[in-house]
Amino acid sequence: MIRKVMTLALIAGSMSIAACNTVRGAAADVNSAANAVDNSL
């Protein structure tokens, strides 16, 4: 039982870390696009 809980916790932790990196990368892309639009005006 404890082994299953630890496995699920590790999987959930790994997924949350991956999601954070994805969101951070998307935010950087949006920021870059916004800067490009600002510079063109």
N, C-alpha and C. Protein backbone atom coordinates (compact mmCIF):
# COMPACT_ATOMS: atom_id res chain seq x y z
N MET A 1 0.82 -1.20 0.00
CA MET A 1 0.00 0.00 0.00
C MET A 1 0.86 1.26 0.00
N ILE A 2 1.87 1.28 0.86
CA ILE A 2 2.75 2.45 0.92
C ILE A 2 3.51 2.60 -0.39
N ARG A 3 3.88 1.47 -0.97
CA ARG A 3 4.61 1.53 -2.24
C ARG A 3 3.75 2.15 -3.34
N LYS A 4 2.47 1.82 -3.38
CA LYS A 4 1.58 2.40 -4.38
C LYS A 4 1.42 3.90 -4.16
N VAL A 5 1.30 4.31 -2.92
CA VAL A 5 1.14 5.74 -2.61
C VAL A 5 2.41 6.50 -3.02
N MET A 6 3.56 5.95 -2.72
CA MET A 6 4.82 6.61 -3.08
C MET A 6 4.97 6.68 -4.60
N THR A 7 4.58 5.63 -5.30
CA THR A 7 4.66 5.63 -6.76
C THR A 7 3.76 6.70 -7.35
N LEU A 8 2.53 6.78 -6.84
CA LEU A 8 1.60 7.81 -7.32
C LEU A 8 2.12 9.21 -7.01
N ALA A 9 2.71 9.39 -5.84
CA ALA A 9 3.26 10.70 -5.47
C ALA A 9 4.41 11.08 -6.40
N LEU A 10 5.27 10.14 -6.73
CA LEU A 10 6.38 10.43 -7.64
C LEU A 10 5.88 10.76 -9.04
N ILE A 11 4.88 10.03 -9.50
CA ILE A 11 4.32 10.30 -10.82
C ILE A 11 3.67 11.68 -10.85
N ALA A 12 2.90 12.00 -9.82
CA ALA A 12 2.24 13.31 -9.75
C ALA A 12 3.28 14.43 -9.69
N GLY A 13 4.33 14.23 -8.92
CA GLY A 13 5.38 15.24 -8.83
C GLY A 13 6.08 15.45 -10.16
N SER A 14 6.35 14.37 -10.85
CA SER A 14 7.00 14.47 -12.16
C SER A 14 6.12 15.20 -13.16
N MET A 15 4.85 14.91 -13.14
CA MET A 15 3.93 15.57 -14.06
C MET A 15 3.81 17.06 -13.76
N SER A 16 3.79 17.42 -12.48
CA SER A 16 3.68 18.83 -12.13
C SER A 16 4.93 19.60 -12.53
N ILE A 17 6.09 18.98 -12.38
CA ILE A 17 7.33 19.64 -12.80
C ILE A 17 7.33 19.83 -14.31
N ALA A 18 6.90 18.83 -15.04
CA ALA A 18 6.85 18.94 -16.51
C ALA A 18 5.86 20.02 -16.94
N ALA A 19 4.74 20.11 -16.24
CA ALA A 19 3.74 21.12 -16.57
C ALA A 19 4.27 22.52 -16.30
N CYS A 20 5.01 22.69 -15.22
CA CYS A 20 5.58 24.00 -14.91
C CYS A 20 6.54 24.44 -16.01
N ASN A 21 7.36 23.55 -16.47
CA ASN A 21 8.30 23.90 -17.53
C ASN A 21 7.56 24.26 -18.81
N THR A 22 6.49 23.55 -19.10
CA THR A 22 5.72 23.84 -20.31
C THR A 22 5.07 25.20 -20.22
N VAL A 23 4.47 25.51 -19.07
CA VAL A 23 3.81 26.80 -18.89
C VAL A 23 4.84 27.92 -18.93
N ARG A 24 5.98 27.71 -18.31
CA ARG A 24 7.03 28.73 -18.31
C ARG A 24 7.51 28.98 -19.74
N GLY A 25 7.65 27.93 -20.53
CA GLY A 25 8.08 28.09 -21.92
C GLY A 25 7.04 28.82 -22.75
N ALA A 26 5.78 28.51 -22.51
CA ALA A 26 4.70 29.19 -23.24
C ALA A 26 4.66 30.66 -22.87
N ALA A 27 4.86 30.97 -21.60
CA ALA A 27 4.87 32.36 -21.16
C ALA A 27 6.02 33.12 -21.79
N ALA A 28 7.16 32.48 -21.92
CA ALA A 28 8.31 33.13 -22.56
C ALA A 28 8.02 33.40 -24.03
N ASP A 29 7.34 32.48 -24.71
CA ASP A 29 6.99 32.68 -26.11
C ASP A 29 6.02 33.85 -26.27
N VAL A 30 5.02 33.91 -25.40
CA VAL A 30 4.05 35.01 -25.46
C VAL A 30 4.74 36.33 -25.19
N ASN A 31 5.63 36.35 -24.21
CA ASN A 31 6.37 37.57 -23.88
C ASN A 31 7.23 38.02 -25.06
N SER A 32 7.87 37.08 -25.71
CA SER A 32 8.69 37.40 -26.87
C SER A 32 7.85 37.97 -28.00
N ALA A 33 6.69 37.39 -28.23
CA ALA A 33 5.80 37.90 -29.28
C ALA A 33 5.31 39.31 -28.94
N ALA A 34 4.99 39.55 -27.68
CA ALA A 34 4.53 40.87 -27.27
C ALA A 34 5.65 41.90 -27.45
N ASN A 35 6.87 41.52 -27.13
CA ASN A 35 7.99 42.45 -27.32
C ASN A 35 8.21 42.75 -28.79
N ALA A 36 8.03 41.77 -29.65
CA ALA A 36 8.19 41.98 -31.09
C ALA A 36 7.14 42.95 -31.61
N VAL A 37 5.91 42.83 -31.13
CA VAL A 37 4.84 43.73 -31.56
C VAL A 37 5.12 45.14 -31.05
N ASP A 38 5.54 45.26 -29.80
CA ASP A 38 5.85 46.58 -29.24
C ASP A 38 6.98 47.26 -30.00
N ASN A 39 7.98 46.50 -30.38
CA ASN A 39 9.13 47.08 -31.09
C ASN A 39 8.78 47.49 -32.51
N SER A 40 7.77 46.85 -33.10
CA SER A 40 7.40 47.18 -34.48
C SER A 40 6.54 48.44 -34.55
N LEU A 41 5.97 48.85 -33.45
CA LEU A 41 5.10 50.04 -33.46
C LEU A 41 5.86 51.27 -33.26
